[in-house]
Amino acid sequence: MGFLARGFVRLHKTTGDQVWQDKAEFALQWLVENQLPGYSGACWGNHFDYQSRGFYLPKGVPTVVWTALIGHAFLDAYDHFQKDPYLQIAVSACDHILRDLGTLRDGEGTCISYIPIKDTQVHNANTLGASLLARTYSHTGNESYRELAQKAMQYTAQHQRPDSSWYYAEKADSHWIDNFHTAYVLDCFKHYAQSTGDDRFNQKLTNGYEYWKKTFLLPDGTPRYYNHKTLPLDIQCSSQAIDTLVFFHDRDPESLPLAAKVAQWTITHMQDRTGYFYYRRYSPWLVNKTPTLDWGQATMLCALAGLYQLL
């Protein structure tokens, strides 16, 4: 619902059609009504038990990834519709991050935990939390948001590898490097810089972006999954690549043409004749065509709406 809301806001900004505002407000209201209870602020998580590579997450436990991404949807809506309750939800989500999530000190940096029930350090989760804090700070001037955001970005900046990549996380069992998690991190460094005016991480961001574009995007627009291999072809790699390239259009004149290539490749290779997008392609003949809403339909709507704004 958060990705749908962001897509609908973008479509309203582009077309002015009331139907998109109505859809955006419906999705945002649904999110307001489906916050998880028992925490210090607005937060969201899965409504099912989930086992990731790194930890088991019972249903009803919030994650900073979902909370931050949804928080950005509310900030998008606030920026566009100028309705204060949307900003207040983002503020509430930031309060949840500050009060309910553990942190780990590491050198000059601090890592925000992925979940509240266990200290779990993951770079994209850490930076997503920081990006929401920084962006909300730009509206409220709350120094506690900016301070934790800076320390969290410092944590991930200091762990950038010599080739300018990032591991998924620093634990020994999390040393893979993939497309969309790297793109999340890049978006967050850009949000932080834009929201705070702090350019201390600018070279890290530039180097990381060039590494990501060179490593994960083939000339024909194919989005590779890992740094060392292309397969599986995953719809999230497509949607996040489009979204990140669009976000970086003010820094990179090649980004929009490349985003259009990724979009065209995805439509050709990952879209069903009925309109929905496939989950994952393992080979030319082996395709998982499950029409997942969160992992595919909503993210592609959001990404294509962003591209539509600028083409």
Protein backbone atom coordinates (compact mmCIF):
# COMPACT_ATOMS: atom_id res chain seq x y z
CA MET A 1 0.00 0.00 0.00
CA GLY A 2 2.91 2.33 0.61
CA PHE A 3 4.31 1.80 -2.88
CA LEU A 4 0.83 2.15 -4.37
CA ALA A 5 0.36 5.44 -2.51
CA ARG A 6 3.67 6.78 -3.84
CA GLY A 7 2.74 5.75 -7.37
CA PHE A 8 -0.69 7.36 -7.14
CA VAL A 9 0.80 10.59 -5.78
CA ARG A 10 3.21 10.67 -8.73
CA LEU A 11 0.41 10.07 -11.20
CA HIS A 12 -1.64 12.88 -9.67
CA LYS A 13 1.33 15.24 -9.88
CA THR A 14 1.72 14.39 -13.56
CA THR A 15 -1.90 14.32 -14.72
CA GLY A 16 -3.87 16.31 -12.16
CA ASP A 17 -6.58 13.66 -12.46
CA GLN A 18 -8.65 13.50 -9.25
CA VAL A 19 -8.89 9.71 -9.46
CA TRP A 20 -5.21 9.40 -8.54
CA GLN A 21 -5.58 11.66 -5.51
CA ASP A 22 -8.54 9.59 -4.37
CA LYS A 23 -6.55 6.38 -4.75
CA ALA A 24 -3.53 7.84 -2.95
CA GLU A 25 -5.65 9.04 -0.04
CA PHE A 26 -7.38 5.66 0.18
CA ALA A 27 -4.04 3.83 0.39
CA LEU A 28 -2.66 6.25 2.97
CA GLN A 29 -5.78 5.99 5.11
CA TRP A 30 -5.52 2.20 4.97
CA LEU A 31 -1.96 2.49 6.25
CA VAL A 32 -3.05 4.80 9.08
CA GLU A 33 -5.68 2.27 10.11
CA ASN A 34 -3.29 -0.68 9.91
CA GLN A 35 -0.38 0.53 12.01
CA LEU A 36 0.99 -2.05 14.42
CA PRO A 37 -0.14 -1.44 18.01
CA GLY A 38 2.07 -1.40 21.09
CA TYR A 39 4.97 0.73 19.85
CA SER A 40 6.06 4.32 20.41
CA GLY A 41 4.97 5.53 16.99
CA ALA A 42 3.64 4.59 13.60
CA CYS A 43 5.21 1.39 12.26
CA TRP A 44 4.38 -1.49 9.97
CA GLY A 45 5.46 -5.08 9.38
CA ASN A 46 4.37 -8.29 7.77
CA HIS A 47 1.00 -9.84 8.58
CA PHE A 48 2.57 -13.30 8.30
CA ASP A 49 5.52 -15.15 9.81
CA TYR A 50 8.64 -14.66 7.74
CA GLN A 51 12.01 -16.41 7.59
CA SER A 52 14.76 -14.42 5.89
CA ARG A 53 18.32 -15.53 5.31
CA GLY A 54 19.33 -13.84 8.54
CA PHE A 55 16.51 -14.12 11.08
CA TYR A 56 13.00 -15.31 11.83
CA LEU A 57 10.36 -12.59 12.08
CA PRO A 58 6.96 -13.36 13.62
CA LYS A 59 3.93 -11.68 12.11
CA GLY A 60 3.01 -8.34 13.61
CA VAL A 61 6.61 -7.25 14.31
CA PRO A 62 7.58 -4.02 12.54
CA THR A 63 10.63 -3.61 10.34
CA VAL A 64 12.46 -0.38 9.77
CA VAL A 65 12.42 -1.16 6.03
CA TRP A 66 8.63 -1.16 5.73
CA THR A 67 8.27 1.68 8.23
CA ALA A 68 10.75 3.92 6.41
CA LEU A 69 9.42 3.19 2.92
CA ILE A 70 5.86 3.87 4.09
CA GLY A 71 7.06 6.97 5.92
CA HIS A 72 8.46 8.27 2.63
CA ALA A 73 5.04 7.71 1.05
CA PHE A 74 3.49 9.98 3.68
CA LEU A 75 6.19 12.61 3.08
CA ASP A 76 5.54 12.43 -0.67
CA ALA A 77 1.87 13.02 0.05
CA TYR A 78 2.64 15.88 2.44
CA ASP A 79 4.93 17.57 -0.08
CA HIS A 80 2.29 17.31 -2.80
CA PHE A 81 -1.03 17.73 -1.00
CA GLN A 82 0.24 19.90 1.89
CA LYS A 83 -1.91 18.11 4.45
CA ASP A 84 -0.34 18.25 7.89
CA PRO A 85 -1.65 14.84 9.13
CA TYR A 86 0.60 13.16 6.55
CA LEU A 87 3.66 14.88 8.03
CA GLN A 88 2.57 13.88 11.52
CA ILE A 89 2.52 10.21 10.54
CA ALA A 90 6.12 10.54 9.32
CA VAL A 91 7.03 12.23 12.61
CA SER A 92 5.39 9.38 14.50
CA ALA A 93 7.36 6.84 12.46
CA CYS A 94 10.59 8.66 13.31
CA ASP A 95 9.69 8.54 16.99
CA HIS A 96 9.26 4.77 16.66
CA ILE A 97 12.75 4.51 15.13
CA LEU A 98 14.31 6.56 17.93
CA ARG A 99 12.50 4.89 20.82
CA ASP A 100 11.87 1.28 19.83
CA LEU A 101 14.81 0.21 17.68
CA GLY A 102 18.19 -0.72 19.09
CA THR A 103 21.40 0.76 17.77
CA LEU A 104 24.98 -0.49 17.54
CA ARG A 105 27.95 1.85 17.91
CA ASP A 106 30.76 1.15 15.47
CA GLY A 107 33.61 3.61 15.19
CA GLU A 108 32.10 7.00 14.43
CA GLY A 109 28.90 5.43 13.18
CA THR A 110 25.75 3.94 14.64
CA CYS A 111 23.65 1.25 12.99
CA ILE A 112 19.87 1.24 13.39
CA SER A 113 18.47 -2.24 13.97
CA TYR A 114 16.28 -3.82 11.31
CA ILE A 115 13.73 -4.98 13.92
CA PRO A 116 12.89 -4.11 17.55
CA ILE A 117 13.05 -7.64 19.01
CA LYS A 118 16.68 -8.31 18.12
CA ASP A 119 19.70 -6.19 17.25
CA THR A 120 20.08 -6.87 13.54
CA GLN A 121 22.44 -4.77 11.44
CA VAL A 122 21.72 -4.52 7.71
CA HIS A 123 22.95 -1.66 5.53
CA ASN A 124 19.82 -0.96 3.50
CA ALA A 125 17.62 -1.11 6.61
CA ASN A 126 19.96 1.20 8.51
CA THR A 127 20.10 3.78 5.72
CA LEU A 128 16.37 3.63 5.04
CA GLY A 129 15.71 4.52 8.66
CA ALA A 130 18.26 7.32 8.40
CA SER A 131 16.76 8.67 5.19
CA LEU A 132 13.31 8.98 6.76
CA LEU A 133 14.80 10.72 9.80
CA ALA A 134 16.73 13.14 7.57
CA ARG A 135 13.81 13.91 5.29
CA THR A 136 11.46 14.47 8.24
CA TYR A 137 14.12 16.68 9.86
CA SER A 138 14.00 18.90 6.77
CA HIS A 139 10.36 19.64 7.60
CA THR A 140 10.51 19.77 11.40
CA GLY A 141 14.03 20.84 12.34
CA ASN A 142 14.14 18.08 14.97
CA GLU A 143 17.86 17.78 15.73
CA SER A 144 17.55 14.31 17.24
CA TYR A 145 16.39 13.06 13.84
CA ARG A 146 19.33 14.66 12.04
CA GLU A 147 21.86 13.47 14.61
CA LEU A 148 20.92 9.80 14.39
CA ALA A 149 20.58 10.03 10.61
CA GLN A 150 24.15 11.34 10.31
CA LYS A 151 25.57 8.61 12.54
CA ALA A 152 23.65 5.91 10.71
CA MET A 153 24.86 7.11 7.32
CA GLN A 154 28.37 7.23 8.76
CA TYR A 155 28.09 3.56 9.74
CA THR A 156 27.30 2.49 6.19
CA ALA A 157 29.76 4.95 4.63
CA GLN A 158 32.63 3.57 6.66
CA HIS A 159 31.81 0.04 5.52
CA GLN A 160 31.89 0.83 1.79
CA ARG A 161 34.22 -1.69 0.21
CA PRO A 162 37.33 -0.71 -1.81
CA ASP A 163 35.45 -1.23 -5.09
CA SER A 164 32.69 1.14 -3.80
CA SER A 165 30.14 -1.64 -3.19
CA TRP A 166 28.40 -2.64 0.03
CA TYR A 167 27.73 -6.05 1.46
CA TYR A 168 24.12 -6.69 2.41
CA ALA A 169 25.40 -6.71 6.00
CA GLU A 170 28.73 -7.08 7.77
CA LYS A 171 28.06 -10.48 9.37
CA ALA A 172 30.08 -13.21 7.70
CA ASP A 173 26.94 -14.97 6.43
CA SER A 174 25.65 -11.77 4.76
CA HIS A 175 28.50 -10.96 2.41
CA TRP A 176 26.57 -10.88 -0.82
CA ILE A 177 26.17 -7.80 -3.02
CA ASP A 178 22.96 -7.35 -4.97
CA ASN A 179 21.20 -4.86 -7.18
CA PHE A 180 18.15 -3.52 -5.37
CA HIS A 181 19.59 -3.43 -1.84
CA THR A 182 22.51 -1.39 -3.20
CA ALA A 183 20.03 0.92 -4.94
CA TYR A 184 18.16 1.45 -1.66
CA VAL A 185 21.42 2.54 -0.03
CA LEU A 186 22.20 4.97 -2.86
CA ASP A 187 18.73 6.53 -2.66
CA CYS A 188 19.20 7.01 1.07
CA PHE A 189 22.55 8.77 0.75
CA LYS A 190 20.94 11.14 -1.74
CA HIS A 191 17.91 11.75 0.50
CA TYR A 192 20.26 12.47 3.41
CA ALA A 193 22.33 14.99 1.46
CA GLN A 194 19.30 16.77 0.00
CA SER A 195 17.49 16.91 3.34
CA THR A 196 20.34 18.07 5.56
CA GLY A 197 22.68 19.95 3.23
CA ASP A 198 25.49 17.76 4.58
CA ASP A 199 27.71 16.71 1.69
CA ARG A 200 30.34 14.78 3.66
CA PHE A 201 29.32 11.51 1.98
CA ASN A 202 29.15 12.89 -1.55
CA GLN A 203 32.18 11.03 -2.89
CA LYS A 204 30.99 7.77 -1.34
CA LEU A 205 27.63 8.31 -3.05
CA THR A 206 29.15 9.15 -6.43
CA ASN A 207 31.49 6.16 -6.36
CA GLY A 208 28.73 3.83 -5.18
CA TYR A 209 26.34 4.98 -7.89
CA GLU A 210 28.91 4.49 -10.65
CA TYR A 211 29.73 1.01 -9.32
CA TRP A 212 26.02 0.09 -9.17
CA LYS A 213 25.25 1.34 -12.69
CA LYS A 214 28.30 -0.36 -14.22
CA THR A 215 27.82 -3.64 -12.35
CA PHE A 216 24.09 -4.25 -12.28
CA LEU A 217 22.68 -2.76 -15.50
CA LEU A 218 23.52 -4.27 -18.88
CA PRO A 219 23.53 -2.07 -22.01
CA ASP A 220 20.16 -3.44 -23.17
CA GLY A 221 18.54 -2.60 -19.81
CA THR A 222 18.75 -6.07 -18.26
CA PRO A 223 18.95 -5.65 -14.46
CA ARG A 224 21.40 -8.18 -13.00
CA TYR A 225 20.65 -9.60 -9.53
CA TYR A 226 24.14 -10.12 -8.08
CA ASN A 227 27.48 -8.46 -8.70
CA HIS A 228 28.89 -11.77 -9.97
CA LYS A 229 25.93 -13.15 -11.95
CA THR A 230 22.82 -11.96 -13.74
CA LEU A 231 20.28 -14.62 -12.76
CA PRO A 232 17.71 -14.72 -11.33
CA LEU A 233 15.98 -11.89 -13.15
CA ASP A 234 13.84 -10.44 -10.38
CA ILE A 235 11.04 -7.88 -10.73
CA GLN A 236 12.34 -5.96 -7.73
CA CYS A 237 15.66 -5.44 -9.49
CA SER A 238 13.73 -3.94 -12.39
CA SER A 239 11.46 -1.67 -10.37
CA GLN A 240 14.13 -0.39 -8.03
CA ALA A 241 16.59 0.19 -10.87
CA ILE A 242 14.02 2.35 -12.68
CA ASP A 243 13.20 4.24 -9.48
CA THR A 244 16.83 4.90 -8.57
CA LEU A 245 17.80 5.97 -12.08
CA VAL A 246 14.88 8.41 -12.13
CA PHE A 247 15.87 9.76 -8.71
CA PHE A 248 19.43 10.40 -9.95
CA HIS A 249 18.42 12.17 -13.15
CA ASP A 250 19.68 15.50 -11.78
CA ARG A 251 23.16 14.03 -11.27
CA ASP A 252 23.50 11.75 -14.28
CA PRO A 253 22.39 12.70 -17.82
CA GLU A 254 22.48 9.01 -18.80
CA SER A 255 20.05 7.93 -16.09
CA LEU A 256 16.69 8.62 -17.79
CA PRO A 257 17.52 6.92 -21.11
CA LEU A 258 18.82 3.95 -19.13
CA ALA A 259 15.70 3.90 -16.95
CA ALA A 260 13.60 3.78 -20.11
CA LYS A 261 15.69 0.85 -21.37
CA VAL A 262 15.16 -1.04 -18.10
CA ALA A 263 11.43 -0.33 -18.30
CA GLN A 264 11.23 -1.55 -21.89
CA TRP A 265 13.26 -4.67 -21.09
CA THR A 266 10.94 -5.40 -18.14
CA ILE A 267 7.78 -4.92 -20.20
CA THR A 268 9.16 -7.22 -22.89
CA HIS A 269 10.51 -9.98 -20.64
CA MET A 270 8.62 -9.76 -17.35
CA GLN A 271 5.10 -8.57 -18.16
CA ASP A 272 2.22 -10.96 -18.81
CA ARG A 273 -0.14 -10.36 -21.74
CA THR A 274 -2.87 -9.62 -19.17
CA GLY A 275 -0.81 -6.75 -17.74
CA TYR A 276 0.70 -7.94 -14.48
CA PHE A 277 4.44 -8.47 -13.91
CA TYR A 278 6.09 -11.80 -13.19
CA TYR A 279 7.93 -12.39 -9.94
CA ARG A 280 11.14 -13.95 -11.23
CA ARG A 281 12.75 -15.46 -14.32
CA TYR A 282 15.35 -18.16 -13.70
CA SER A 283 16.08 -18.94 -17.36
CA PRO A 284 14.44 -18.33 -20.75
CA TRP A 285 12.15 -21.29 -20.02
CA LEU A 286 11.72 -21.29 -16.24
CA VAL A 287 9.58 -18.40 -14.98
CA ASN A 288 7.75 -17.85 -11.69
CA LYS A 289 4.65 -15.98 -12.85
CA THR A 290 3.15 -15.42 -9.38
CA PRO A 291 1.44 -11.98 -9.46
CA THR A 292 2.60 -10.76 -6.04
CA LEU A 293 1.22 -7.36 -5.11
CA ASP A 294 4.08 -6.08 -2.93
CA TRP A 295 6.96 -7.69 -4.85
CA GLY A 296 6.16 -6.58 -8.34
CA GLN A 297 2.86 -4.89 -9.05
CA ALA A 298 3.07 -2.05 -6.51
CA THR A 299 6.79 -1.41 -6.97
CA MET A 300 6.48 -1.38 -10.76
CA LEU A 301 3.50 0.99 -10.62
CA CYS A 302 5.50 3.32 -8.39
CA ALA A 303 8.61 3.13 -10.59
CA LEU A 304 6.79 3.55 -13.90
CA ALA A 305 4.80 6.47 -12.50
CA GLY A 306 8.07 8.14 -11.54
CA LEU A 307 9.51 7.57 -15.00
CA TYR A 308 6.29 8.85 -16.59
CA GLN A 309 6.69 12.11 -14.69
CA LEU A 310 9.96 12.89 -16.44
CA LEU A 311 9.63 11.43 -19.94
